[in-house]
C-alpha atoms as a PDB file:
ATOM      1  CA  MET A   1      87.598  -6.836 -39.057  1.00  0.00           C
ATOM      2  CA  LEU A   2      87.793  -4.907 -42.283  1.00  0.00           C
ATOM      3  CA  PRO A   3      84.739  -4.697 -44.584  1.00  0.00           C
ATOM      4  CA  ASP A   4      84.912  -7.041 -47.599  1.00  0.00           C
ATOM      5  CA  ASP A   5      84.302  -4.179 -50.004  1.00  0.00           C
ATOM      6  CA  LEU A   6      87.185  -2.033 -48.653  1.00  0.00           C
ATOM      7  CA  LEU A   7      89.928  -1.715 -51.276  1.00  0.00           C
ATOM      8  CA  LEU A   8      92.200   1.005 -49.908  1.00  0.00           C
ATOM      9  CA  GLU A   9      92.524   2.685 -46.504  1.00  0.00           C
ATOM     10  CA  ALA A  10      94.811   5.527 -45.414  1.00  0.00           C
ATOM     11  CA  ARG A  11      95.225   6.521 -41.791  1.00  0.00           C
ATOM     12  CA  GLY A  12      97.208   9.548 -40.634  1.00  0.00           C
ATOM     13  CA  LEU A  13      98.905   9.882 -44.037  1.00  0.00           C
ATOM     14  CA  GLN A  14     101.567  12.595 -44.091  1.00  0.00           C
ATOM     15  CA  LYS A  15     103.970  13.947 -46.691  1.00  0.00           C
ATOM     16  CA  HIS A  16     106.267  16.741 -45.474  1.00  0.00           C
ATOM     17  CA  PHE A  17     108.913  18.277 -47.755  1.00  0.00           C
ATOM     18  CA  PRO A  18     112.058  19.651 -46.105  1.00  0.00           C
ATOM     19  CA  VAL A  19     112.921  23.316 -46.746  1.00  0.00           C
ATOM     20  CA  ARG A  20     116.669  23.896 -46.957  1.00  0.00           C
ATOM     21  CA  GLN A  21     118.659  27.140 -46.833  1.00  0.00           C
ATOM     22  CA  GLY A  22     122.212  28.297 -46.907  1.00  0.00           C
ATOM     23  CA  TRP A  23     125.423  26.882 -48.317  1.00  0.00           C
ATOM     24  CA  LEU A  24     125.188  23.807 -46.048  1.00  0.00           C
ATOM     25  CA  GLN A  25     121.554  23.293 -47.041  1.00  0.00           C
ATOM     26  CA  ARG A  26     120.363  22.987 -43.457  1.00  0.00           C
ATOM     27  CA  VAL A  27     116.714  22.044 -42.931  1.00  0.00           C
ATOM     28  CA  VAL A  28     114.916  25.118 -41.620  1.00  0.00           C
ATOM     29  CA  GLY A  29     111.366  23.825 -41.828  1.00  0.00           C
ATOM     30  CA  HIS A  30     108.942  21.529 -43.589  1.00  0.00           C
ATOM     31  CA  VAL A  31     106.145  22.088 -46.079  1.00  0.00           C
ATOM     32  CA  LYS A  32     103.259  20.021 -44.725  1.00  0.00           C
ATOM     33  CA  ALA A  33     101.687  19.185 -48.071  1.00  0.00           C
ATOM     34  CA  VAL A  34      99.685  16.281 -46.621  1.00  0.00           C
ATOM     35  CA  ASP A  35      99.197  16.408 -42.872  1.00  0.00           C
ATOM     36  CA  GLY A  36      97.200  13.553 -41.377  1.00  0.00           C
ATOM     37  CA  VAL A  37      94.808  12.386 -44.094  1.00  0.00           C
ATOM     38  CA  ASP A  38      92.297   9.606 -43.381  1.00  0.00           C
ATOM     39  CA  LEU A  39      90.341   8.195 -46.298  1.00  0.00           C
ATOM     40  CA  SER A  40      89.071   4.927 -47.744  1.00  0.00           C
ATOM     41  CA  VAL A  41      88.088   3.677 -51.182  1.00  0.00           C
ATOM     42  CA  LYS A  42      85.684   0.800 -51.774  1.00  0.00           C
ATOM     43  CA  ARG A  43      85.838  -1.697 -54.582  1.00  0.00           C
ATOM     44  CA  GLY A  44      84.395  -0.280 -57.803  1.00  0.00           C
ATOM     45  CA  GLU A  45      83.644   3.209 -56.428  1.00  0.00           C
ATOM     46  CA  THR A  46      84.906   6.648 -57.395  1.00  0.00           C
ATOM     47  CA  LEU A  47      86.079   8.892 -54.583  1.00  0.00           C
ATOM     48  CA  GLY A  48      86.387  12.510 -55.750  1.00  0.00           C
ATOM     49  CA  LEU A  49      89.077  14.617 -54.119  1.00  0.00           C
ATOM     50  CA  VAL A  50      88.592  18.408 -54.410  1.00  0.00           C
ATOM     51  CA  GLY A  51      90.149  21.580 -53.083  1.00  0.00           C
ATOM     52  CA  GLU A  52      91.921  24.672 -54.359  1.00  0.00           C
ATOM     53  CA  SER A  53      95.418  24.606 -55.838  1.00  0.00           C
ATOM     54  CA  GLY A  54      98.052  23.821 -53.229  1.00  0.00           C
ATOM     55  CA  SER A  55      95.715  21.951 -50.904  1.00  0.00           C
ATOM     56  CA  GLY A  56      97.640  18.695 -51.292  1.00  0.00           C
ATOM     57  CA  LYS A  57      95.393  16.678 -53.615  1.00  0.00           C
ATOM     58  CA  SER A  58      98.008  15.468 -56.083  1.00  0.00           C
ATOM     59  CA  THR A  59     100.541  14.801 -53.327  1.00  0.00           C
ATOM     60  CA  THR A  60      97.939  12.679 -51.535  1.00  0.00           C
ATOM     61  CA  GLY A  61      97.366  10.620 -54.713  1.00  0.00           C
ATOM     62  CA  ARG A  62     101.076  10.065 -55.245  1.00  0.00           C
ATOM     63  CA  ALA A  63     101.679   9.179 -51.598  1.00  0.00           C
ATOM     64  CA  LEU A  64      98.892   6.593 -51.655  1.00  0.00           C
ATOM     65  CA  LEU A  65     100.707   4.799 -54.493  1.00  0.00           C
ATOM     66  CA  ARG A  66     104.131   5.478 -52.915  1.00  0.00           C
ATOM     67  CA  LEU A  67     105.227   7.416 -55.976  1.00  0.00           C
ATOM     68  CA  LEU A  68     106.230   9.797 -53.195  1.00  0.00           C
ATOM     69  CA  PRO A  69     107.360   8.046 -49.972  1.00  0.00           C
ATOM     70  CA  PRO A  70     105.019   9.087 -47.148  1.00  0.00           C
ATOM     71  CA  THR A  71     106.513  10.872 -44.166  1.00  0.00           C
ATOM     72  CA  GLY A  72     104.093   9.223 -41.741  1.00  0.00           C
ATOM     73  CA  GLY A  73     100.886   7.288 -41.438  1.00  0.00           C
ATOM     74  CA  GLU A  74      99.845   4.022 -43.086  1.00  0.00           C
ATOM     75  CA  VAL A  75      98.253   2.977 -46.364  1.00  0.00           C
ATOM     76  CA  ARG A  76      96.625  -0.440 -46.620  1.00  0.00           C
ATOM     77  CA  PHE A  77      95.496  -1.985 -49.882  1.00  0.00           C
ATOM     78  CA  ARG A  78      93.660  -5.194 -50.853  1.00  0.00           C
ATOM     79  CA  SER A  79      96.054  -6.653 -53.441  1.00  0.00           C
ATOM     80  CA  ARG A  80      95.427  -9.406 -55.959  1.00  0.00           C
ATOM     81  CA  ALA A  81      99.032  -9.497 -57.138  1.00  0.00           C
ATOM     82  CA  LEU A  82     100.347 -10.171 -53.626  1.00  0.00           C
ATOM     83  CA  ALA A  83      97.659 -12.693 -52.638  1.00  0.00           C
ATOM     84  CA  ARG A  84      99.052 -15.477 -50.491  1.00  0.00           C
ATOM     85  CA  ASP A  85      97.921 -18.919 -49.303  1.00  0.00           C
ATOM     86  CA  GLY A  86      95.766 -19.496 -52.366  1.00  0.00           C
ATOM     87  CA  GLY A  87      93.519 -16.493 -51.690  1.00  0.00           C
ATOM     88  CA  THR A  88      92.099 -14.155 -54.339  1.00  0.00           C
ATOM     89  CA  ASP A  89      93.455 -11.077 -52.532  1.00  0.00           C
ATOM     90  CA  THR A  90      95.153  -9.989 -49.339  1.00  0.00           C
ATOM     91  CA  MET A  91      95.329  -6.720 -47.350  1.00  0.00           C
ATOM     92  CA  VAL A  92      98.890  -5.371 -47.351  1.00  0.00           C
ATOM     93  CA  SER A  93     100.578  -2.355 -45.822  1.00  0.00           C
ATOM     94  CA  VAL A  94     101.770  -0.330 -48.817  1.00  0.00           C
ATOM     95  CA  THR A  95     103.989   1.825 -46.608  1.00  0.00           C
ATOM     96  CA  ASP A  96     105.895  -1.215 -45.287  1.00  0.00           C
ATOM     97  CA  LEU A  97     106.434  -3.161 -48.508  1.00  0.00           C
ATOM     98  CA  ASN A  98     109.974  -3.798 -49.726  1.00  0.00           C
ATOM     99  CA  ARG A  99     111.052  -2.772 -53.209  1.00  0.00           C
ATOM    100  CA  ARG A 100     110.376  -6.175 -54.776  1.00  0.00           C
ATOM    101  CA  ASP A 101     106.846  -6.486 -53.398  1.00  0.00           C
ATOM    102  CA  MET A 102     106.132  -2.846 -54.239  1.00  0.00           C
ATOM    103  CA  LYS A 103     107.025  -3.580 -57.887  1.00  0.00           C
ATOM    104  CA  VAL A 104     104.531  -6.445 -57.865  1.00  0.00           C
ATOM    105  CA  LEU A 105     101.862  -4.279 -56.235  1.00  0.00           C
ATOM    106  CA  ARG A 106     102.134  -1.805 -59.164  1.00  0.00           C
ATOM    107  CA  GLN A 107     100.011  -4.265 -61.126  1.00  0.00           C
ATOM    108  CA  ASP A 108      97.068  -3.426 -58.885  1.00  0.00           C
ATOM    109  CA  MET A 109      97.608   0.352 -58.499  1.00  0.00           C
ATOM    110  CA  GLN A 110      98.094   2.708 -61.442  1.00  0.00           C
ATOM    111  CA  PHE A 111      98.182   6.459 -62.115  1.00  0.00           C
ATOM    112  CA  ILE A 112      96.753   8.663 -64.868  1.00  0.00           C
ATOM    113  CA  PHE A 113      98.697  11.903 -65.075  1.00  0.00           C
ATOM    114  CA  GLN A 114      97.292  15.379 -65.503  1.00  0.00           C
ATOM    115  CA  ASP A 115      99.316  16.518 -68.508  1.00  0.00           C
ATOM    116  CA  PRO A 116      98.801  14.320 -71.585  1.00  0.00           C
ATOM    117  CA  TYR A 117     101.776  16.011 -73.262  1.00  0.00           C
ATOM    118  CA  SER A 118     104.620  15.635 -70.758  1.00  0.00           C
ATOM    119  CA  SER A 119     103.496  12.201 -69.445  1.00  0.00           C
ATOM    120  CA  LEU A 120     104.269  10.414 -72.729  1.00  0.00           C
ATOM    121  CA  ASP A 121     107.841   9.860 -73.948  1.00  0.00           C
ATOM    122  CA  PRO A 122     108.070  11.703 -77.293  1.00  0.00           C
ATOM    123  CA  ARG A 123     110.741   9.283 -78.572  1.00  0.00           C
ATOM    124  CA  MET A 124     108.591   6.196 -78.184  1.00  0.00           C
ATOM    125  CA  GLN A 125     105.837   4.953 -80.424  1.00  0.00           C
ATOM    126  CA  ILE A 126     102.381   4.584 -78.902  1.00  0.00           C
ATOM    127  CA  GLY A 127     102.598   0.816 -79.005  1.00  0.00           C
ATOM    128  CA  GLU A 128     105.841   0.883 -77.045  1.00  0.00           C
ATOM    129  CA  ILE A 129     104.363   3.297 -74.437  1.00  0.00           C
ATOM    130  CA  VAL A 130     101.283   1.158 -73.821  1.00  0.00           C
ATOM    131  CA  ALA A 131     103.287  -2.093 -73.787  1.00  0.00           C
ATOM    132  CA  GLU A 132     106.012  -0.769 -71.448  1.00  0.00           C
ATOM    133  CA  PRO A 133     104.334  -1.954 -68.197  1.00  0.00           C
ATOM    134  CA  LEU A 134     103.970  -5.441 -69.695  1.00  0.00           C
ATOM    135  CA  ARG A 135     107.632  -5.449 -70.818  1.00  0.00           C
ATOM    136  CA  VAL A 136     108.952  -4.219 -67.462  1.00  0.00           C
ATOM    137  CA  ARG A 137     106.982  -6.924 -65.627  1.00  0.00           C
ATOM    138  CA  GLY A 138     108.058  -9.585 -68.137  1.00  0.00           C
ATOM    139  CA  ILE A 139     104.463 -10.402 -69.024  1.00  0.00           C
ATOM    140  CA  LEU A 140     103.689 -11.972 -72.424  1.00  0.00           C
ATOM    141  CA  ASN A 141     106.013 -12.340 -75.394  1.00  0.00           C
ATOM    142  CA  ARG A 142     106.389  -9.707 -78.068  1.00  0.00           C
ATOM    143  CA  GLY A 143     103.569 -10.963 -80.264  1.00  0.00           C
ATOM    144  CA  GLU A 144     101.220 -11.307 -77.321  1.00  0.00           C
ATOM    145  CA  ARG A 145     102.075  -7.810 -76.166  1.00  0.00           C
ATOM    146  CA  GLU A 146     101.204  -6.439 -79.585  1.00  0.00           C
ATOM    147  CA  ASP A 147      97.835  -8.150 -79.396  1.00  0.00           C
ATOM    148  CA  ARG A 148      97.282  -6.791 -75.889  1.00  0.00           C
ATOM    149  CA  VAL A 149      98.170  -3.235 -77.071  1.00  0.00           C
ATOM    150  CA  ALA A 150      95.673  -3.489 -79.917  1.00  0.00           C
ATOM    151  CA  ALA A 151      92.994  -4.605 -77.452  1.00  0.00           C
ATOM    152  CA  LEU A 152      93.807  -1.750 -75.062  1.00  0.00           C
ATOM    153  CA  LEU A 153      93.678   0.850 -77.847  1.00  0.00           C
ATOM    154  CA  LYS A 154      90.301  -0.498 -78.905  1.00  0.00           C
ATOM    155  CA  ALA A 155      89.097  -0.305 -75.279  1.00  0.00           C
ATOM    156  CA  VAL A 156      89.913   3.436 -75.114  1.00  0.00           C
ATOM    157  CA  GLY A 157      88.360   4.172 -78.481  1.00  0.00           C
ATOM    158  CA  LEU A 158      91.444   4.201 -80.763  1.00  0.00           C
ATOM    159  CA  ALA A 159      92.280   2.108 -83.826  1.00  0.00           C
ATOM    160  CA  ALA A 160      95.113  -0.426 -83.692  1.00  0.00           C
ATOM    161  CA  GLU A 161      97.167   1.547 -86.281  1.00  0.00           C
ATOM    162  CA  TYR A 162      97.740   4.258 -83.643  1.00  0.00           C
ATOM    163  CA  ALA A 163     100.375   1.901 -82.183  1.00  0.00           C
ATOM    164  CA  LYS A 164     102.802   3.020 -84.913  1.00  0.00           C
ATOM    165  CA  ARG A 165     102.383   6.740 -84.270  1.00  0.00           C
ATOM    166  CA  PHE A 166     104.311   9.083 -81.970  1.00  0.00           C
ATOM    167  CA  PRO A 167     102.749  11.277 -79.297  1.00  0.00           C
ATOM    168  CA  HIS A 168     103.266  14.494 -81.280  1.00  0.00           C
ATOM    169  CA  GLU A 169     100.928  13.120 -83.983  1.00  0.00           C
ATOM    170  CA  LEU A 170      98.001  12.918 -81.563  1.00  0.00           C
ATOM    171  CA  SER A 171      95.604  15.465 -80.128  1.00  0.00           C
ATOM    172  CA  GLY A 172      95.394  16.144 -76.389  1.00  0.00           C
ATOM    173  CA  GLY A 173      92.341  13.942 -75.998  1.00  0.00           C
ATOM    174  CA  GLN A 174      93.965  11.087 -77.916  1.00  0.00           C
ATOM    175  CA  ARG A 175      97.107  11.382 -75.774  1.00  0.00           C
ATOM    176  CA  GLN A 176      95.071  11.143 -72.617  1.00  0.00           C
ATOM    177  CA  ARG A 177      93.392   8.021 -73.981  1.00  0.00           C
ATOM    178  CA  ILE A 178      96.860   6.556 -74.424  1.00  0.00           C
ATOM    179  CA  GLY A 179      97.651   7.436 -70.785  1.00  0.00           C
ATOM    180  CA  ILE A 180      94.486   5.563 -69.763  1.00  0.00           C
ATOM    181  CA  ALA A 181      95.387   2.555 -71.941  1.00  0.00           C
ATOM    182  CA  ARG A 182      98.867   2.428 -70.345  1.00  0.00           C
ATOM    183  CA  ALA A 183      97.294   2.525 -66.854  1.00  0.00           C
ATOM    184  CA  LEU A 184      95.019  -0.407 -67.809  1.00  0.00           C
ATOM    185  CA  ALA A 185      97.818  -2.594 -69.243  1.00  0.00           C
ATOM    186  CA  LEU A 186      98.331  -4.629 -66.071  1.00  0.00           C
ATOM    187  CA  ASN A 187      94.642  -5.018 -65.152  1.00  0.00           C
ATOM    188  CA  PRO A 188      94.697  -2.829 -62.018  1.00  0.00           C
ATOM    189  CA  SER A 189      91.853  -2.618 -59.537  1.00  0.00           C
ATOM    190  CA  PHE A 190      92.600   0.941 -58.404  1.00  0.00           C
ATOM    191  CA  ILE A 191      93.587   4.038 -60.438  1.00  0.00           C
ATOM    192  CA  VAL A 192      94.496   7.500 -59.208  1.00  0.00           C
ATOM    193  CA  ALA A 193      93.304   9.944 -61.861  1.00  0.00           C
ATOM    194  CA  ASP A 194      95.105  13.225 -61.219  1.00  0.00           C
ATOM    195  CA  GLU A 195      93.027  15.906 -62.938  1.00  0.00           C
ATOM    196  CA  PRO A 196      92.870  13.773 -66.118  1.00  0.00           C
ATOM    197  CA  VAL A 197      90.687  16.224 -68.060  1.00  0.00           C
ATOM    198  CA  SER A 198      91.875  19.624 -66.905  1.00  0.00           C
ATOM    199  CA  ALA A 199      94.168  20.110 -69.925  1.00  0.00           C
ATOM    200  CA  LEU A 200      91.437  19.232 -72.426  1.00  0.00           C
ATOM    201  CA  ASP A 201      88.674  21.245 -74.060  1.00  0.00           C
ATOM    202  CA  VAL A 202      85.115  20.826 -72.813  1.00  0.00           C
ATOM    203  CA  SER A 203      83.829  18.429 -75.456  1.00  0.00           C
ATOM    204  CA  THR A 204      86.892  16.190 -75.098  1.00  0.00           C
ATOM    205  CA  GLN A 205      86.521  16.291 -71.314  1.00  0.00           C
ATOM    206  CA  ALA A 206      83.053  14.793 -71.606  1.00  0.00           C
ATOM    207  CA  GLN A 207      84.325  12.013 -73.885  1.00  0.00           C
ATOM    208  CA  VAL A 208      87.161  11.101 -71.509  1.00  0.00           C
ATOM    209  CA  VAL A 209      84.946  11.168 -68.428  1.00  0.00           C
ATOM    210  CA  ASN A 210      82.391   8.925 -70.147  1.00  0.00           C
ATOM    211  CA  LEU A 211      85.221   6.591 -71.183  1.00  0.00           C
ATOM    212  CA  LEU A 212      86.414   6.334 -67.573  1.00  0.00           C
ATOM    213  CA  GLN A 213      82.888   5.493 -66.421  1.00  0.00           C
ATOM    214  CA  ASP A 214      82.452   2.854 -69.138  1.00  0.00           C
ATOM    215  CA  LEU A 215      85.792   1.222 -68.212  1.00  0.00           C
ATOM    216  CA  GLN A 216      84.832   1.268 -64.547  1.00  0.00           C
ATOM    217  CA  ALA A 217      81.545  -0.503 -65.260  1.00  0.00           C
ATOM    218  CA  GLU A 218      83.214  -3.043 -67.508  1.00  0.00           C
ATOM    219  CA  LEU A 219      86.344  -3.800 -65.428  1.00  0.00           C
ATOM    220  CA  GLY A 220      85.165  -3.077 -61.882  1.00  0.00           C
ATOM    221  CA  LEU A 221      87.782  -0.323 -61.340  1.00  0.00           C
ATOM    222  CA  ALA A 222      87.964   1.983 -58.351  1.00  0.00           C
ATOM    223  CA  TYR A 223      89.124   5.561 -58.863  1.00  0.00           C
ATOM    224  CA  LEU A 224      90.503   8.365 -56.773  1.00  0.00           C
ATOM    225  CA  PHE A 225      89.430  11.211 -59.044  1.00  0.00           C
ATOM    226  CA  ILE A 226      91.280  14.454 -58.334  1.00  0.00           C
ATOM    227  CA  ALA A 227      89.840  17.552 -59.922  1.00  0.00           C
ATOM    228  CA  HIS A 228      89.016  21.260 -59.653  1.00  0.00           C
ATOM    229  CA  ASP A 229      85.835  21.115 -61.720  1.00  0.00           C
ATOM    230  CA  LEU A 230      83.093  20.313 -59.257  1.00  0.00           C
ATOM    231  CA  SER A 231      80.561  19.702 -62.009  1.00  0.00           C
ATOM    232  CA  ILE A 232      82.659  16.804 -63.335  1.00  0.00           C
ATOM    233  CA  VAL A 233      83.268  15.558 -59.789  1.00  0.00           C
ATOM    234  CA  ARG A 234      79.501  15.492 -59.159  1.00  0.00           C
ATOM    235  CA  HIS A 235      78.936  13.599 -62.390  1.00  0.00           C
ATOM    236  CA  ILE A 236      81.554  10.856 -61.887  1.00  0.00           C
ATOM    237  CA  SER A 237      81.909  10.402 -58.100  1.00  0.00           C
ATOM    238  CA  ASN A 238      80.113   8.236 -55.570  1.00  0.00           C
ATOM    239  CA  ARG A 239      81.649  10.040 -52.619  1.00  0.00           C
ATOM    240  CA  VAL A 240      83.624  13.316 -52.361  1.00  0.00           C
ATOM    241  CA  ALA A 241      86.391  14.354 -49.974  1.00  0.00           C
ATOM    242  CA  VAL A 242      87.189  18.049 -49.588  1.00  0.00           C
ATOM    243  CA  MET A 243      90.775  18.957 -48.843  1.00  0.00           C
ATOM    244  CA  TYR A 244      92.210  22.168 -47.356  1.00  0.00           C
ATOM    245  CA  LEU A 245      95.799  22.861 -46.403  1.00  0.00           C
ATOM    246  CA  GLY A 246      96.830  19.215 -46.342  1.00  0.00           C
ATOM    247  CA  LYS A 247      93.789  17.918 -44.412  1.00  0.00           C
ATOM    248  CA  ILE A 248      90.451  16.390 -45.253  1.00  0.00           C
ATOM    249  CA  VAL A 249      87.822  18.763 -43.866  1.00  0.00           C
ATOM    250  CA  GLU A 250      84.677  17.026 -45.122  1.00  0.00           C
ATOM    251  CA  ILE A 251      83.743  13.716 -46.769  1.00  0.00           C
ATOM    252  CA  ALA A 252      80.302  12.495 -47.785  1.00  0.00           C
ATOM    253  CA  ASP A 253      78.192  10.850 -50.476  1.00  0.00           C
ATOM    254  CA  VAL A 254      78.264  13.114 -53.515  1.00  0.00           C
ATOM    255  CA  GLU A 255      74.667  14.391 -53.485  1.00  0.00           C
ATOM    256  CA  ASP A 256      74.659  14.846 -49.721  1.00  0.00           C
ATOM    257  CA  LEU A 257      77.819  16.954 -49.901  1.00  0.00           C
ATOM    258  CA  PHE A 258      76.552  19.075 -52.820  1.00  0.00           C
ATOM    259  CA  LEU A 259      73.108  19.682 -51.353  1.00  0.00           C
ATOM    260  CA  ASN A 260      73.896  19.727 -47.638  1.00  0.00           C
ATOM    261  CA  PRO A 261      77.503  20.826 -46.912  1.00  0.00           C
ATOM    262  CA  LYS A 262      78.650  20.889 -43.306  1.00  0.00           C
ATOM    263  CA  HIS A 263      81.957  22.744 -43.557  1.00  0.00           C
ATOM    264  CA  PRO A 264      82.238  26.463 -44.496  1.00  0.00           C
ATOM    265  CA  TYR A 265      85.047  25.757 -46.924  1.00  0.00           C
ATOM    266  CA  THR A 266      82.847  23.286 -48.812  1.00  0.00           C
ATOM    267  CA  GLU A 267      80.087  25.922 -48.988  1.00  0.00           C
ATOM    268  CA  ALA A 268      82.562  28.420 -50.475  1.00  0.00           C
ATOM    269  CA  LEU A 269      83.752  25.872 -53.075  1.00  0.00           C
ATOM    270  CA  LEU A 270      80.153  25.075 -54.109  1.00  0.00           C
ATOM    271  CA  SER A 271      79.371  28.761 -54.538  1.00  0.00           C
ATOM    272  CA  ALA A 272      82.131  28.969 -57.139  1.00  0.00           C
ATOM    273  CA  VAL A 273      80.567  26.316 -59.423  1.00  0.00           C
ATOM    274  CA  PRO A 274      79.873  28.144 -62.719  1.00  0.00           C
ATOM    275  CA  VAL A 275      76.370  28.299 -64.168  1.00  0.00           C
ATOM    276  CA  ALA A 276      75.864  28.369 -67.963  1.00  0.00           C
ATOM    277  CA  ASP A 277      73.751  31.539 -67.857  1.00  0.00           C
ATOM    278  CA  PRO A 278      75.290  34.959 -68.558  1.00  0.00           C
ATOM    279  CA  ASP A 279      72.465  36.704 -66.648  1.00  0.00           C
ATOM    280  CA  PHE A 280      72.777  34.543 -63.520  1.00  0.00           C
ATOM    281  CA  VAL A 281      73.930  36.324 -60.384  1.00  0.00           C
ATOM    282  CA  GLY A 282      74.628  33.733 -57.700  1.00  0.00           C
ATOM    283  CA  ALA A 283      75.485  33.893 -54.016  1.00  0.00           C
ATOM    284  CA  ARG A 284      79.232  33.749 -54.575  1.00  0.00           C
ATOM    285  CA  ILE A 285      81.221  33.477 -51.342  1.00  0.00           C
ATOM    286  CA  ARG A 286      84.529  35.311 -51.643  1.00  0.00           C
ATOM    287  CA  LEU A 287      87.035  34.101 -49.087  1.00  0.00           C
ATOM    288  CA  LYS A 288      89.118  36.805 -47.424  1.00  0.00           C
ATOM    289  CA  GLY A 289      92.899  36.693 -47.633  1.00  0.00           C
ATOM    290  CA  ASP A 290      95.129  34.060 -49.164  1.00  0.00           C
ATOM    291  CA  PRO A 291      95.538  30.425 -48.146  1.00  0.00           C
ATOM    292  CA  PRO A 292      98.046  30.092 -45.257  1.00  0.00           C
ATOM    293  CA  SER A 293     101.454  28.629 -45.947  1.00  0.00           C
ATOM    294  CA  PRO A 294     101.668  24.850 -45.498  1.00  0.00           C
ATOM    295  CA  MET A 295     105.091  25.519 -43.984  1.00  0.00           C
ATOM    296  CA  SER A 296     103.542  27.362 -41.038  1.00  0.00           C
ATOM    297  CA  PRO A 297      99.844  26.431 -40.843  1.00  0.00           C
ATOM    298  CA  PRO A 298      97.691  28.458 -38.439  1.00  0.00           C
ATOM    299  CA  ARG A 299      96.926  27.205 -34.948  1.00  0.00           C
ATOM    300  CA  GLY A 300      93.524  25.682 -34.422  1.00  0.00           C
ATOM    301  CA  CYS A 301      91.297  25.119 -37.411  1.00  0.00           C
ATOM    302  CA  PRO A 302      93.411  25.617 -40.560  1.00  0.00           C
ATOM    303  CA  PHE A 303      90.494  27.435 -42.267  1.00  0.00           C
ATOM    304  CA  HIS A 304      89.682  29.919 -39.449  1.00  0.00           C
ATOM    305  CA  PRO A 305      91.712  32.932 -40.821  1.00  0.00           C
ATOM    306  CA  ARG A 306      89.428  32.924 -43.913  1.00  0.00           C
ATOM    307  CA  CYS A 307      86.169  31.685 -42.378  1.00  0.00           C
ATOM    308  CA  ALA A 308      83.250  34.123 -41.946  1.00  0.00           C
ATOM    309  CA  TYR A 309      81.810  32.002 -39.144  1.00  0.00           C
ATOM    310  CA  ALA A 310      85.008  31.570 -37.045  1.00  0.00           C
ATOM    311  CA  THR A 311      84.890  32.014 -33.280  1.00  0.00           C
ATOM    312  CA  ALA A 312      87.610  32.333 -30.633  1.00  0.00           C
ATOM    313  CA  GLN A 313      87.589  28.539 -30.197  1.00  0.00           C
ATOM    314  CA  CYS A 314      88.466  28.055 -33.875  1.00  0.00           C
ATOM    315  CA  SER A 315      91.765  29.902 -33.464  1.00  0.00           C
ATOM    316  CA  VAL A 316      93.077  27.786 -30.615  1.00  0.00           C
ATOM    317  CA  GLU A 317      91.539  24.295 -30.915  1.00  0.00           C
ATOM    318  CA  THR A 318      91.841  22.008 -33.909  1.00  0.00           C
ATOM    319  CA  PRO A 319      88.434  20.470 -34.691  1.00  0.00           C
ATOM    320  CA  ALA A 320      88.280  16.699 -34.899  1.00  0.00           C
ATOM    321  CA  MET A 321      86.664  14.884 -37.786  1.00  0.00           C
ATOM    322  CA  ARG A 322      83.246  13.741 -36.626  1.00  0.00           C
ATOM    323  CA  GLN A 323      80.185  12.124 -38.080  1.00  0.00           C
ATOM    324  CA  VAL A 324      77.404  14.615 -38.622  1.00  0.00           C
ATOM    325  CA  ALA A 325      75.019  12.353 -40.587  1.00  0.00           C
ATOM    326  CA  PRO A 326      75.148   8.795 -41.922  1.00  0.00           C
ATOM    327  CA  ASP A 327      78.247   8.491 -44.160  1.00  0.00           C
ATOM    328  CA  HIS A 328      78.950  12.207 -43.698  1.00  0.00           C
ATOM    329  CA  GLU A 329      81.904  13.557 -41.706  1.00  0.00           C
ATOM    330  CA  ALA A 330      83.229  17.072 -41.221  1.00  0.00           C
ATOM    331  CA  SER A 331      85.815  18.865 -39.072  1.00  0.00           C
ATOM    332  CA  CYS A 332      84.178  22.044 -37.784  1.00  0.00           C
ATOM    333  CA  HIS A 333      83.447  23.229 -34.254  1.00  0.00           C
ATOM    334  CA  LEU A 334      80.191  24.836 -35.404  1.00  0.00           C
ATOM    335  CA  VAL A 335      78.862  21.989 -37.465  1.00  0.00           C
ATOM    336  CA  ALA A 336      75.742  21.607 -35.289  1.00  0.00           C
ATOM    337  CA  GLU A 337      75.001  25.340 -35.356  1.00  0.00           C
ATOM    338  CA  LEU A 338      75.571  26.422 -38.940  1.00  0.00           C
ATOM    339  CA  ASN A 339      72.944  26.140 -41.644  1.00  0.00           C
ATOM    340  CA  LEU A 340      75.122  26.100 -44.720  1.00  0.00           C
ATOM    341  CA  ARG A 341      73.832  26.325 -48.275  1.00  0.00           C
ATOM    342  CA  GLY A 342      74.167  23.650 -50.949  1.00  0.00           C
ATOM    343  CA  VAL A 343      74.326  24.277 -54.699  1.00  0.00           C
ATOM    344  CA  ASP A 344      70.560  24.539 -55.080  1.00  0.00           C
ATOM    345  CA  ALA A 345      70.253  27.204 -52.371  1.00  0.00           C
ATOM    346  CA  LEU A 346      73.336  29.065 -53.661  1.00  0.00           C
ATOM    347  CA  ARG A 347      71.781  29.202 -57.157  1.00  0.00           C
ATOM    348  CA  GLY A 348      68.300  30.090 -55.937  1.00  0.00           C
END
């Protein structure tokens, strides 16, 4: 029996990209960008997804929405658009839906892209961009769509006259607001926000993050918030999942993870959070070596070649994800032995 507040659940999610070589383009291996991810998102919550570049965060977000077809595993989602038998919603297997049902499901699941410049068609006016999901789904007539666009622009803090402008006439922050308005057009319940503020300056980042929180409170949205900036993740998230080399290595409530990490990789990430003090000298943890290739991940724990605490067991046995505290899971053989430092201890 699934909890009533569960909106999305992924089990064993995989996305492997074939590597081809030679004139005949034979497959000589696979890049395991996402390799057995388990996660869940509750109604109205924000799950932060963090990790260094190349860890598989964006690929995970796209695979959840089937913008990239998963190689393996299952994604289940509580859909309003596909509700049957007079119900308000129904749990569906996203990975098994046919093309027609998947198109209907898009009303419930939307995506905010990282780059506010390349994600908007430069040949279309803003009104056309925001109304495109409505037009594709055949929802509302032209006049009603114009009214809906005006309401969406107002919701993201822009005047209705912006509908007649083109993307090149807008700033980066304004463009990202348009991307948010487009994502809201079909009244989704779940949005994957793929580093939505990383291309913006600091003051604009704060405005966009506050906008996302206001919209969440007003509309009951759930977010998968993908980011590098742990300060923003701490501000916006209810729970945080830490990803390394295609796997989730730790997941917990946001404050528990920041103050009491249980995986060495999480501790290293927290030590890199910048402090606005030029005289501050923190306990920065510098990982040795480079991240392993996702085409040939190391045996055992994927983090062990760079881990200062690794033992012989770590190099031969893959640690299972296990509960280490209420609502706190980590995959580390030494989780009961290590006394890792949170952000307060690292800054002390």
